[in-house]
């Protein structure tokens, strides 16, 4: 790729003028290119997982759809200040599962997931996300999860091993029932009582 022959300062300047979707598509061109994407100061991007995978920068949001089936491209809708309808439609040329795209984005942008909000996600997609985020140890700053999911034995260990650095918020009927301080699972404490959270202690 001739682009890679330019001086690093030139490459950085070009990358900083690209939008997040262009950066993602460019990262797929080669492994070497993917390692350079963070030169665009991608750490300043906010990445949230809700009913879409949302990348926010300033007042603009890039809402990436979470397709059920694998296809050759993923649709992205651009909004301003979260106002719909979308101002523009773009595509990411991706032919694997959406969960793998999530991990790819976090890796090349070198940034954490700011928020995972289960309230607006189907359980099936949330479980997919939890499984891969636990396996890959993706950093999550804050996560909202419904109490019923947190109580499932099949998910308990996976949730316990998530790399949540700030808050795990348990909800029920749309209301917050408990906030758990982030950190090592066995050291998490209920924010209200200050006592270890029995639901996350290791036996």
N, C-alpha and C. Protein backbone atom coordinates (compact mmCIF):
# COMPACT_ATOMS: atom_id res chain seq x y z
N UNK A 1 0.85 -1.19 0.00
CA UNK A 1 0.00 0.00 0.00
C UNK A 1 0.89 1.25 0.00
N UNK A 2 0.73 2.07 -1.03
CA UNK A 2 1.58 3.25 -1.19
C UNK A 2 1.42 4.25 -0.04
N UNK A 3 0.23 4.27 0.54
CA UNK A 3 -0.04 5.20 1.65
C UNK A 3 0.96 5.01 2.78
N UNK A 4 1.35 3.77 3.03
CA UNK A 4 2.26 3.45 4.14
C UNK A 4 3.68 3.93 3.90
N UNK A 5 3.97 4.37 2.69
CA UNK A 5 5.32 4.87 2.38
C UNK A 5 5.52 6.33 2.80
N UNK A 6 4.42 6.99 3.12
CA UNK A 6 4.53 8.39 3.54
C UNK A 6 5.14 8.48 4.94
N UNK A 7 5.73 9.64 5.28
CA UNK A 7 6.25 9.84 6.65
C UNK A 7 5.13 9.68 7.67
N UNK A 8 5.50 9.26 8.86
CA UNK A 8 4.50 8.97 9.89
C UNK A 8 3.65 10.19 10.24
N UNK A 9 4.24 11.37 10.23
CA UNK A 9 3.47 12.58 10.54
C UNK A 9 2.40 12.84 9.49
N UNK A 10 2.70 12.52 8.25
CA UNK A 10 1.72 12.69 7.17
C UNK A 10 0.59 11.68 7.34
N UNK A 11 0.96 10.44 7.65
CA UNK A 11 -0.05 9.40 7.86
C UNK A 11 -0.97 9.78 9.01
N UNK A 12 -0.38 10.27 10.10
CA UNK A 12 -1.18 10.68 11.25
C UNK A 12 -2.14 11.80 10.89
N UNK A 13 -1.68 12.77 10.15
CA UNK A 13 -2.53 13.90 9.75
C UNK A 13 -3.70 13.43 8.89
N UNK A 14 -3.44 12.51 7.98
CA UNK A 14 -4.50 11.97 7.13
C UNK A 14 -5.52 11.21 7.97
N UNK A 15 -5.04 10.36 8.85
CA UNK A 15 -5.94 9.54 9.67
C UNK A 15 -6.82 10.40 10.57
N UNK A 16 -6.27 11.48 11.10
CA UNK A 16 -7.03 12.34 12.01
C UNK A 16 -8.16 13.08 11.30
N UNK A 17 -8.12 13.09 9.98
CA UNK A 17 -9.18 13.76 9.22
C UNK A 17 -10.22 12.79 8.67
N UNK A 18 -10.10 11.52 9.04
CA UNK A 18 -11.07 10.52 8.61
C UNK A 18 -12.11 10.28 9.70
N UNK A 19 -13.33 9.92 9.30
CA UNK A 19 -14.35 9.61 10.29
C UNK A 19 -14.16 8.17 10.78
N UNK A 20 -14.81 7.78 11.89
CA UNK A 20 -14.59 6.45 12.45
C UNK A 20 -14.87 5.30 11.49
N UNK A 21 -15.87 5.46 10.61
CA UNK A 21 -16.20 4.37 9.69
C UNK A 21 -15.13 4.21 8.63
N UNK A 22 -14.61 5.32 8.12
CA UNK A 22 -13.48 5.25 7.18
C UNK A 22 -12.28 4.58 7.85
N UNK A 23 -12.06 4.90 9.11
CA UNK A 23 -10.93 4.31 9.83
C UNK A 23 -11.11 2.80 9.99
N UNK A 24 -12.34 2.38 10.29
CA UNK A 24 -12.60 0.94 10.44
C UNK A 24 -12.36 0.23 9.12
N UNK A 25 -12.92 0.76 8.04
CA UNK A 25 -12.73 0.13 6.72
C UNK A 25 -11.26 0.11 6.32
N UNK A 26 -10.54 1.19 6.63
CA UNK A 26 -9.12 1.25 6.31
C UNK A 26 -8.34 0.22 7.12
N UNK A 27 -8.75 0.01 8.36
CA UNK A 27 -8.06 -0.96 9.22
C UNK A 27 -8.15 -2.39 8.68
N UNK A 28 -9.14 -2.63 7.84
CA UNK A 28 -9.35 -3.97 7.29
C UNK A 28 -8.49 -4.23 6.06
N UNK A 29 -7.80 -3.21 5.58
CA UNK A 29 -7.00 -3.36 4.36
C UNK A 29 -5.73 -4.17 4.58
N UNK A 30 -5.16 -4.06 5.78
CA UNK A 30 -3.96 -4.84 6.09
C UNK A 30 -3.73 -4.83 7.60
N UNK A 31 -2.98 -5.81 8.06
CA UNK A 31 -2.67 -5.88 9.49
C UNK A 31 -1.81 -4.69 9.91
N UNK A 32 -0.88 -4.30 9.06
CA UNK A 32 -0.01 -3.15 9.37
C UNK A 32 -0.83 -1.88 9.49
N UNK A 33 -1.80 -1.73 8.58
CA UNK A 33 -2.65 -0.54 8.61
C UNK A 33 -3.48 -0.51 9.89
N UNK A 34 -3.96 -1.66 10.31
CA UNK A 34 -4.80 -1.71 11.52
C UNK A 34 -4.03 -1.24 12.75
N UNK A 35 -2.71 -1.46 12.76
CA UNK A 35 -1.89 -1.04 13.91
C UNK A 35 -1.67 0.48 13.94
N UNK A 36 -1.93 1.15 12.81
CA UNK A 36 -1.69 2.59 12.74
C UNK A 36 -2.94 3.42 13.02
N UNK A 37 -4.10 2.78 13.07
CA UNK A 37 -5.36 3.51 13.19
C UNK A 37 -5.42 4.38 14.44
N UNK A 38 -4.83 3.92 15.52
CA UNK A 38 -4.89 4.69 16.78
C UNK A 38 -4.14 6.02 16.69
N UNK A 39 -3.35 6.22 15.62
CA UNK A 39 -2.69 7.52 15.42
C UNK A 39 -3.71 8.63 15.20
N UNK A 40 -4.94 8.24 14.88
CA UNK A 40 -6.02 9.23 14.68
C UNK A 40 -6.59 9.72 16.00
N UNK A 41 -5.89 9.43 17.10
CA UNK A 41 -6.37 9.81 18.44
C UNK A 41 -7.74 9.20 18.72
N UNK A 42 -7.89 7.93 18.36
CA UNK A 42 -9.18 7.25 18.51
C UNK A 42 -9.57 7.05 19.96
N UNK A 43 -8.64 7.25 20.90
CA UNK A 43 -8.98 7.12 22.31
C UNK A 43 -10.02 8.15 22.73
N UNK A 44 -10.19 9.20 21.90
CA UNK A 44 -11.17 10.24 22.24
C UNK A 44 -12.59 9.83 21.84
N UNK A 45 -12.73 8.75 21.10
CA UNK A 45 -14.05 8.28 20.69
C UNK A 45 -14.77 7.66 21.88
N UNK A 46 -16.07 7.85 21.92
CA UNK A 46 -16.90 7.17 22.92
C UNK A 46 -17.59 6.00 22.21
N UNK A 47 -17.44 4.80 22.75
CA UNK A 47 -18.05 3.61 22.14
C UNK A 47 -19.04 3.00 23.13
N UNK A 48 -20.31 2.92 22.73
CA UNK A 48 -21.37 2.38 23.58
C UNK A 48 -22.07 1.23 22.87
N UNK A 49 -22.48 0.23 23.64
CA UNK A 49 -23.22 -0.89 23.08
C UNK A 49 -24.64 -0.87 23.63
N UNK A 50 -25.60 -0.63 22.74
CA UNK A 50 -27.02 -0.62 23.10
C UNK A 50 -27.76 -1.41 22.03
N UNK A 51 -28.85 -0.83 21.50
CA UNK A 51 -29.53 -1.48 20.38
C UNK A 51 -28.69 -1.37 19.12
N UNK A 52 -27.74 -0.43 19.10
CA UNK A 52 -26.70 -0.34 18.09
C UNK A 52 -25.35 -0.33 18.80
N UNK A 53 -24.29 -0.52 18.03
CA UNK A 53 -22.95 -0.22 18.52
C UNK A 53 -22.70 1.22 18.10
N UNK A 54 -22.57 2.12 19.07
CA UNK A 54 -22.56 3.55 18.79
C UNK A 54 -21.18 4.14 19.05
N UNK A 55 -20.62 4.76 18.02
CA UNK A 55 -19.37 5.49 18.15
C UNK A 55 -19.70 6.97 18.10
N UNK A 56 -19.36 7.70 19.15
CA UNK A 56 -19.69 9.13 19.22
C UNK A 56 -18.42 9.96 19.23
N UNK A 57 -18.46 11.05 18.46
CA UNK A 57 -17.37 12.01 18.47
C UNK A 57 -17.99 13.39 18.30
N UNK A 58 -17.77 14.24 19.29
CA UNK A 58 -18.43 15.55 19.35
C UNK A 58 -19.94 15.35 19.30
N UNK A 59 -20.64 16.02 18.38
CA UNK A 59 -22.11 15.93 18.37
C UNK A 59 -22.62 14.84 17.44
N UNK A 60 -21.72 14.09 16.82
CA UNK A 60 -22.11 13.11 15.80
C UNK A 60 -22.04 11.68 16.34
N UNK A 61 -23.06 10.88 15.98
CA UNK A 61 -23.09 9.48 16.38
C UNK A 61 -23.12 8.58 15.14
N UNK A 62 -22.31 7.54 15.19
CA UNK A 62 -22.28 6.53 14.13
C UNK A 62 -22.92 5.27 14.70
N UNK A 63 -24.16 5.00 14.29
CA UNK A 63 -24.95 3.90 14.84
C UNK A 63 -24.78 2.66 13.96
N UNK A 64 -24.00 1.71 14.44
CA UNK A 64 -23.69 0.51 13.67
C UNK A 64 -24.70 -0.58 14.00
N UNK A 65 -25.38 -1.09 12.99
CA UNK A 65 -26.38 -2.13 13.21
C UNK A 65 -25.71 -3.42 13.68
N UNK A 66 -26.48 -4.23 14.41
CA UNK A 66 -26.00 -5.52 14.91
C UNK A 66 -26.77 -6.61 14.17
N UNK A 67 -26.33 -6.99 12.97
CA UNK A 67 -27.10 -7.93 12.15
C UNK A 67 -27.16 -9.34 12.73
N UNK A 68 -28.30 -10.00 12.51
CA UNK A 68 -28.46 -11.37 12.97
C UNK A 68 -27.57 -12.33 12.19
N UNK A 69 -27.49 -12.09 10.89
CA UNK A 69 -26.75 -12.99 10.01
C UNK A 69 -25.49 -12.33 9.46
N UNK A 70 -24.53 -13.15 9.14
CA UNK A 70 -23.28 -12.67 8.54
C UNK A 70 -23.54 -12.27 7.10
N UNK A 71 -23.08 -11.10 6.71
CA UNK A 71 -23.19 -10.65 5.32
C UNK A 71 -21.90 -9.94 4.93
N UNK A 72 -21.86 -9.38 3.74
CA UNK A 72 -20.62 -8.75 3.27
C UNK A 72 -20.44 -7.33 3.79
N UNK A 73 -21.50 -6.74 4.33
CA UNK A 73 -21.37 -5.38 4.84
C UNK A 73 -22.37 -5.12 5.96
N UNK A 74 -22.02 -4.15 6.79
CA UNK A 74 -22.84 -3.76 7.94
C UNK A 74 -23.26 -2.31 7.76
N UNK A 75 -24.54 -2.02 8.00
CA UNK A 75 -25.07 -0.67 7.79
C UNK A 75 -24.79 0.23 8.99
N UNK A 76 -24.45 1.48 8.71
CA UNK A 76 -24.19 2.48 9.73
C UNK A 76 -25.06 3.70 9.46
N UNK A 77 -25.75 4.18 10.49
CA UNK A 77 -26.60 5.36 10.36
C UNK A 77 -26.01 6.50 11.18
N UNK A 78 -25.86 7.66 10.56
CA UNK A 78 -25.25 8.81 11.23
C UNK A 78 -26.35 9.74 11.74
N UNK A 79 -26.26 10.10 13.02
CA UNK A 79 -27.20 11.06 13.61
C UNK A 79 -26.41 12.21 14.24
N UNK A 80 -27.09 13.33 14.42
CA UNK A 80 -26.50 14.49 15.08
C UNK A 80 -27.27 14.73 16.38
N UNK A 81 -26.54 14.77 17.49
CA UNK A 81 -27.17 14.96 18.81
C UNK A 81 -28.28 13.94 19.06
N UNK A 82 -28.06 12.70 18.60
CA UNK A 82 -29.00 11.59 18.80
C UNK A 82 -30.38 11.85 18.21
N UNK A 83 -30.47 12.76 17.26
CA UNK A 83 -31.76 13.09 16.65
C UNK A 83 -31.98 12.26 15.39
N UNK A 84 -33.15 11.61 15.33
CA UNK A 84 -33.51 10.82 14.17
C UNK A 84 -34.50 11.59 13.31
N UNK A 85 -34.60 11.32 12.01
CA UNK A 85 -33.98 10.22 11.26
C UNK A 85 -32.50 10.46 11.00
N UNK A 86 -31.86 9.42 10.48
CA UNK A 86 -30.43 9.49 10.20
C UNK A 86 -30.13 10.52 9.12
N UNK A 87 -29.01 11.21 9.28
CA UNK A 87 -28.58 12.21 8.30
C UNK A 87 -27.89 11.57 7.09
N UNK A 88 -27.27 10.41 7.34
CA UNK A 88 -26.46 9.78 6.28
C UNK A 88 -26.34 8.29 6.58
N UNK A 89 -26.14 7.49 5.53
CA UNK A 89 -25.98 6.05 5.68
C UNK A 89 -24.62 5.64 5.12
N UNK A 90 -23.89 4.84 5.87
CA UNK A 90 -22.59 4.34 5.44
C UNK A 90 -22.56 2.82 5.60
N UNK A 91 -21.45 2.21 5.20
CA UNK A 91 -21.31 0.76 5.35
C UNK A 91 -19.90 0.40 5.81
N UNK A 92 -19.83 -0.64 6.62
CA UNK A 92 -18.56 -1.26 6.98
C UNK A 92 -18.50 -2.59 6.24
N UNK A 93 -17.40 -2.85 5.56
CA UNK A 93 -17.30 -4.06 4.75
C UNK A 93 -16.73 -5.19 5.60
N UNK A 94 -17.64 -5.90 6.22
CA UNK A 94 -17.31 -6.91 7.23
C UNK A 94 -18.12 -8.17 6.95
N UNK A 95 -17.46 -9.33 6.94
CA UNK A 95 -18.16 -10.57 6.61
C UNK A 95 -18.06 -11.63 7.71
N UNK A 96 -17.96 -11.14 8.95
CA UNK A 96 -17.96 -12.04 10.10
C UNK A 96 -19.07 -11.62 11.05
N UNK A 97 -19.14 -12.24 12.22
CA UNK A 97 -20.18 -11.91 13.19
C UNK A 97 -19.99 -10.49 13.72
N UNK A 98 -21.10 -9.86 14.13
CA UNK A 98 -21.03 -8.49 14.65
C UNK A 98 -20.21 -8.42 15.94
N UNK A 99 -20.21 -9.51 16.72
CA UNK A 99 -19.43 -9.51 17.96
C UNK A 99 -17.93 -9.43 17.67
N UNK A 100 -17.51 -10.04 16.57
CA UNK A 100 -16.10 -9.96 16.18
C UNK A 100 -15.75 -8.55 15.69
N UNK A 101 -16.73 -7.90 15.07
CA UNK A 101 -16.53 -6.50 14.66
C UNK A 101 -16.36 -5.61 15.89
N UNK A 102 -17.16 -5.86 16.92
CA UNK A 102 -17.04 -5.11 18.17
C UNK A 102 -15.63 -5.22 18.73
N UNK A 103 -15.11 -6.43 18.82
CA UNK A 103 -13.76 -6.63 19.35
C UNK A 103 -12.72 -5.97 18.45
N UNK A 104 -12.90 -6.08 17.14
CA UNK A 104 -11.95 -5.46 16.20
C UNK A 104 -11.90 -3.95 16.41
N UNK A 105 -13.06 -3.32 16.55
CA UNK A 105 -13.12 -1.87 16.74
C UNK A 105 -12.39 -1.45 18.02
N UNK A 106 -12.65 -2.16 19.11
CA UNK A 106 -12.01 -1.82 20.38
C UNK A 106 -10.49 -1.98 20.29
N UNK A 107 -10.06 -2.99 19.56
CA UNK A 107 -8.62 -3.24 19.43
C UNK A 107 -7.93 -2.16 18.59
N UNK A 108 -8.49 -1.86 17.42
CA UNK A 108 -7.80 -0.91 16.54
C UNK A 108 -7.92 0.52 17.06
N UNK A 109 -9.04 0.83 17.75
CA UNK A 109 -9.19 2.17 18.32
C UNK A 109 -8.46 2.31 19.65
N UNK A 110 -8.13 1.18 20.26
CA UNK A 110 -7.46 1.16 21.56
C UNK A 110 -8.23 2.00 22.59
N UNK A 111 -9.52 1.74 22.64
CA UNK A 111 -10.36 2.45 23.61
C UNK A 111 -11.32 1.46 24.25
N UNK A 112 -11.85 1.78 25.43
CA UNK A 112 -12.78 0.88 26.11
C UNK A 112 -14.20 1.07 25.61
N UNK A 113 -15.06 0.15 25.99
CA UNK A 113 -16.50 0.37 25.84
C UNK A 113 -16.90 1.30 26.98
N UNK A 114 -17.49 2.43 26.66
CA UNK A 114 -17.88 3.36 27.71
C UNK A 114 -19.06 2.81 28.50
N UNK A 115 -20.07 2.32 27.78
CA UNK A 115 -21.26 1.79 28.43
C UNK A 115 -21.82 0.61 27.65
N UNK A 116 -22.25 -0.42 28.38
CA UNK A 116 -23.06 -1.50 27.80
C UNK A 116 -24.41 -1.41 28.48
N UNK A 117 -25.45 -1.20 27.70
CA UNK A 117 -26.79 -1.00 28.27
C UNK A 117 -27.73 -2.10 27.78
N UNK A 118 -28.05 -3.03 28.66
CA UNK A 118 -28.87 -4.18 28.28
C UNK A 118 -30.34 -3.82 28.12
N UNK A 119 -30.75 -2.64 28.60
CA UNK A 119 -32.18 -2.29 28.57
C UNK A 119 -32.73 -2.22 27.15
N UNK A 120 -31.90 -1.86 26.20
CA UNK A 120 -32.38 -1.71 24.83
C UNK A 120 -31.82 -2.78 23.89
N UNK A 121 -31.33 -3.89 24.47
CA UNK A 121 -30.79 -4.98 23.66
C UNK A 121 -31.58 -6.26 23.88
N UNK A 122 -31.84 -7.03 22.82
CA UNK A 122 -32.43 -8.36 23.01
C UNK A 122 -31.48 -9.22 23.83
N UNK A 123 -32.02 -10.09 24.66
CA UNK A 123 -31.17 -10.93 25.51
C UNK A 123 -30.18 -11.76 24.70
N UNK A 124 -30.62 -12.24 23.53
CA UNK A 124 -29.74 -13.09 22.72
C UNK A 124 -28.48 -12.34 22.30
N UNK A 125 -28.64 -11.07 21.91
CA UNK A 125 -27.49 -10.27 21.49
C UNK A 125 -26.61 -9.91 22.69
N UNK A 126 -27.25 -9.61 23.82
CA UNK A 126 -26.49 -9.27 25.02
C UNK A 126 -25.63 -10.46 25.45
N UNK A 127 -26.20 -11.66 25.42
CA UNK A 127 -25.46 -12.85 25.82
C UNK A 127 -24.28 -13.08 24.87
N UNK A 128 -24.50 -12.89 23.57
CA UNK A 128 -23.41 -12.99 22.59
C UNK A 128 -22.28 -12.03 22.96
N UNK A 129 -22.67 -10.79 23.26
CA UNK A 129 -21.69 -9.75 23.58
C UNK A 129 -20.94 -10.08 24.87
N UNK A 130 -21.67 -10.51 25.90
CA UNK A 130 -21.06 -10.83 27.18
C UNK A 130 -20.02 -11.94 27.02
N UNK A 131 -20.37 -12.95 26.24
CA UNK A 131 -19.47 -14.09 26.06
C UNK A 131 -18.16 -13.68 25.41
N UNK A 132 -18.24 -12.89 24.34
CA UNK A 132 -16.99 -12.53 23.65
C UNK A 132 -16.21 -11.47 24.43
N UNK A 133 -16.91 -10.55 25.12
CA UNK A 133 -16.21 -9.54 25.91
C UNK A 133 -15.49 -10.16 27.10
N UNK A 134 -16.08 -11.21 27.66
CA UNK A 134 -15.44 -11.93 28.75
C UNK A 134 -14.22 -12.69 28.25
N UNK A 135 -14.38 -13.37 27.12
CA UNK A 135 -13.28 -14.16 26.55
C UNK A 135 -12.11 -13.28 26.14
N UNK A 136 -12.41 -12.11 25.57
CA UNK A 136 -11.36 -11.22 25.08
C UNK A 136 -10.89 -10.22 26.13
N UNK A 137 -11.56 -10.20 27.29
CA UNK A 137 -11.24 -9.27 28.37
C UNK A 137 -11.25 -7.81 27.90
N UNK A 138 -12.28 -7.46 27.12
CA UNK A 138 -12.46 -6.08 26.68
C UNK A 138 -12.78 -5.20 27.89
N UNK A 139 -12.17 -4.03 27.94
CA UNK A 139 -12.46 -3.12 29.05
C UNK A 139 -13.83 -2.47 28.87
N UNK A 140 -14.65 -2.54 29.93
CA UNK A 140 -15.97 -1.92 29.95
C UNK A 140 -15.99 -0.97 31.14
N UNK A 141 -16.27 0.29 30.90
CA UNK A 141 -16.31 1.23 32.01
C UNK A 141 -17.56 1.03 32.86
N UNK A 142 -18.71 0.95 32.21
CA UNK A 142 -19.98 0.88 32.94
C UNK A 142 -20.94 -0.05 32.22
N UNK A 143 -21.62 -0.90 32.98
CA UNK A 143 -22.54 -1.86 32.37
C UNK A 143 -23.84 -1.93 33.15
N UNK A 144 -24.96 -1.86 32.43
CA UNK A 144 -26.28 -2.07 32.99
C UNK A 144 -26.74 -3.47 32.59
N UNK A 145 -27.16 -4.27 33.55
CA UNK A 145 -27.64 -5.61 33.23
C UNK A 145 -28.87 -5.93 34.07
N UNK A 146 -29.84 -6.60 33.46
CA UNK A 146 -31.08 -6.92 34.16
C UNK A 146 -30.81 -7.99 35.21
N UNK A 147 -31.48 -7.85 36.34
CA UNK A 147 -31.29 -8.76 37.47
C UNK A 147 -31.51 -10.23 37.08
N UNK A 148 -32.50 -10.50 36.22
CA UNK A 148 -32.80 -11.88 35.84
C UNK A 148 -31.63 -12.53 35.11
N UNK A 149 -30.95 -11.77 34.26
CA UNK A 149 -29.79 -12.31 33.54
C UNK A 149 -28.63 -12.55 34.49
N UNK A 150 -28.44 -11.62 35.41
CA UNK A 150 -27.34 -11.73 36.36
C UNK A 150 -27.48 -12.97 37.25
N UNK A 151 -28.73 -13.42 37.45
CA UNK A 151 -28.98 -14.56 38.33
C UNK A 151 -28.85 -15.91 37.63
N UNK A 152 -28.80 -15.91 36.28
CA UNK A 152 -28.70 -17.16 35.55
C UNK A 152 -27.35 -17.84 35.82
N UNK A 153 -27.41 -19.10 36.25
CA UNK A 153 -26.18 -19.82 36.57
C UNK A 153 -25.25 -19.92 35.37
N UNK A 154 -25.85 -20.10 34.18
CA UNK A 154 -25.05 -20.26 32.97
C UNK A 154 -24.26 -19.01 32.62
N UNK A 155 -24.70 -17.85 33.11
CA UNK A 155 -24.04 -16.58 32.80
C UNK A 155 -23.25 -16.01 33.96
N UNK A 156 -23.49 -16.52 35.18
CA UNK A 156 -22.89 -15.93 36.38
C UNK A 156 -21.36 -15.82 36.28
N UNK A 157 -20.71 -16.93 35.93
CA UNK A 157 -19.24 -16.91 35.88
C UNK A 157 -18.73 -16.00 34.77
N UNK A 158 -19.46 -15.98 33.64
CA UNK A 158 -19.05 -15.13 32.52
C UNK A 158 -19.13 -13.66 32.92
N UNK A 159 -20.25 -13.28 33.55
CA UNK A 159 -20.43 -11.89 33.98
C UNK A 159 -19.39 -11.53 35.03
N UNK A 160 -19.11 -12.47 35.93
CA UNK A 160 -18.14 -12.21 37.00
C UNK A 160 -16.75 -11.93 36.45
N UNK A 161 -16.45 -12.52 35.29
CA UNK A 161 -15.12 -12.37 34.72
C UNK A 161 -15.00 -11.22 33.72
N UNK A 162 -16.07 -10.44 33.57
CA UNK A 162 -15.99 -9.28 32.69
C UNK A 162 -15.02 -8.25 33.27
N UNK A 163 -14.34 -7.54 32.40
CA UNK A 163 -13.37 -6.52 32.81
C UNK A 163 -14.07 -5.17 32.95
N UNK A 164 -14.86 -5.03 34.02
CA UNK A 164 -15.62 -3.79 34.28
C UNK A 164 -14.80 -2.93 35.23
N UNK A 165 -14.46 -1.73 34.79
CA UNK A 165 -13.52 -0.91 35.57
C UNK A 165 -14.18 0.14 36.46
N UNK A 166 -15.45 0.46 36.22
CA UNK A 166 -16.09 1.49 37.02
C UNK A 166 -17.36 1.00 37.73
N UNK A 167 -18.41 0.69 36.97
CA UNK A 167 -19.68 0.33 37.60
C UNK A 167 -20.37 -0.82 36.88
N UNK A 168 -20.90 -1.76 37.65
CA UNK A 168 -21.84 -2.76 37.16
C UNK A 168 -23.17 -2.44 37.83
N UNK A 169 -24.16 -2.09 37.04
CA UNK A 169 -25.43 -1.62 37.58
C UNK A 169 -26.52 -2.66 37.30
N UNK A 170 -27.09 -3.21 38.35
CA UNK A 170 -28.14 -4.23 38.23
C UNK A 170 -29.49 -3.53 38.22
N UNK A 171 -30.32 -3.85 37.23
CA UNK A 171 -31.63 -3.20 37.10
C UNK A 171 -32.76 -4.22 37.18
N UNK A 172 -33.94 -3.72 37.52
CA UNK A 172 -35.14 -4.55 37.53
C UNK A 172 -36.32 -3.65 37.19
N UNK A 173 -37.10 -4.05 36.19
CA UNK A 173 -38.26 -3.27 35.74
C UNK A 173 -37.85 -1.83 35.42
N UNK A 174 -36.67 -1.67 34.81
CA UNK A 174 -36.22 -0.35 34.41
C UNK A 174 -35.64 0.49 35.53
N UNK A 175 -35.60 -0.05 36.77
CA UNK A 175 -35.08 0.70 37.90
C UNK A 175 -33.78 0.07 38.41
N UNK A 176 -32.89 0.91 38.90
CA UNK A 176 -31.62 0.43 39.44
C UNK A 176 -31.86 -0.19 40.81
N UNK A 177 -31.46 -1.46 40.97
CA UNK A 177 -31.61 -2.12 42.26
C UNK A 177 -30.29 -2.20 43.04
N UNK A 178 -29.18 -2.16 42.32
CA UNK A 178 -27.89 -2.27 43.01
C UNK A 178 -26.79 -1.76 42.08
N UNK A 179 -25.82 -1.08 42.64
CA UNK A 179 -24.64 -0.64 41.90
C UNK A 179 -23.42 -1.28 42.53
N UNK A 180 -22.65 -1.98 41.72
CA UNK A 180 -21.47 -2.68 42.22
C UNK A 180 -20.23 -1.95 41.72
N UNK A 181 -19.32 -1.67 42.64
CA UNK A 181 -18.09 -0.98 42.27
C UNK A 181 -17.25 -1.89 41.40
N UNK A 182 -16.63 -1.34 40.36
CA UNK A 182 -15.79 -2.14 39.47
C UNK A 182 -14.51 -2.57 40.15
N UNK A 183 -13.81 -3.51 39.52
CA UNK A 183 -12.56 -4.01 40.06
C UNK A 183 -12.56 -5.52 40.06
N UNK A 184 -11.67 -6.10 40.82
CA UNK A 184 -11.60 -7.55 40.91
C UNK A 184 -12.91 -8.06 41.49
N UNK A 185 -13.57 -9.06 40.84
CA UNK A 185 -14.89 -9.49 41.28
C UNK A 185 -15.01 -9.77 42.77
N UNK A 186 -14.02 -10.45 43.35
CA UNK A 186 -14.12 -10.80 44.76
C UNK A 186 -13.99 -9.59 45.67
N UNK A 187 -13.54 -8.45 45.12
CA UNK A 187 -13.37 -7.25 45.92
C UNK A 187 -14.46 -6.22 45.67
N UNK A 188 -15.43 -6.55 44.79
CA UNK A 188 -16.49 -5.59 44.50
C UNK A 188 -17.37 -5.40 45.72
N UNK A 189 -17.84 -4.18 45.88
CA UNK A 189 -18.69 -3.88 47.02
C UNK A 189 -19.94 -3.17 46.56
N UNK A 190 -21.02 -3.47 47.26
CA UNK A 190 -22.28 -2.80 46.98
C UNK A 190 -22.12 -1.33 47.32
N UNK A 191 -22.49 -0.46 46.40
CA UNK A 191 -22.28 0.98 46.58
C UNK A 191 -23.10 1.55 47.73
N UNK A 192 -24.23 0.92 48.03
CA UNK A 192 -25.09 1.45 49.09
C UNK A 192 -24.63 1.00 50.47
N UNK A 193 -24.30 -0.30 50.59
CA UNK A 193 -23.98 -0.83 51.91
C UNK A 193 -22.50 -0.75 52.26
N UNK A 194 -21.64 -0.73 51.19
CA UNK A 194 -20.20 -0.75 51.44
C UNK A 194 -19.70 -2.14 51.76
N UNK A 195 -20.62 -3.15 51.74
CA UNK A 195 -20.26 -4.53 52.04
C UNK A 195 -20.01 -5.29 50.75
N UNK A 196 -19.22 -6.38 50.84
CA UNK A 196 -19.00 -7.19 49.64
C UNK A 196 -20.33 -7.66 49.08
N UNK A 197 -20.45 -7.66 47.76
CA UNK A 197 -21.67 -8.08 47.10
C UNK A 197 -21.67 -9.60 47.00
N UNK A 198 -22.58 -10.26 47.72
CA UNK A 198 -22.61 -11.71 47.78
C UNK A 198 -22.85 -12.35 46.43
N UNK A 199 -23.50 -11.63 45.52
CA UNK A 199 -23.78 -12.17 44.20
C UNK A 199 -22.52 -12.28 43.34
N UNK A 200 -21.42 -11.65 43.76
CA UNK A 200 -20.21 -11.66 42.96
C UNK A 200 -19.00 -12.17 43.73
N UNK A 201 -19.21 -12.69 44.93
CA UNK A 201 -18.07 -13.20 45.68
C UNK A 201 -17.72 -14.60 45.21
N UNK A 202 -16.46 -14.94 45.28
CA UNK A 202 -16.00 -16.27 44.89
C UNK A 202 -16.06 -17.19 46.10
N UNK A 203 -16.50 -18.40 45.87
CA UNK A 203 -16.55 -19.38 46.96
C UNK A 203 -15.32 -20.28 46.90
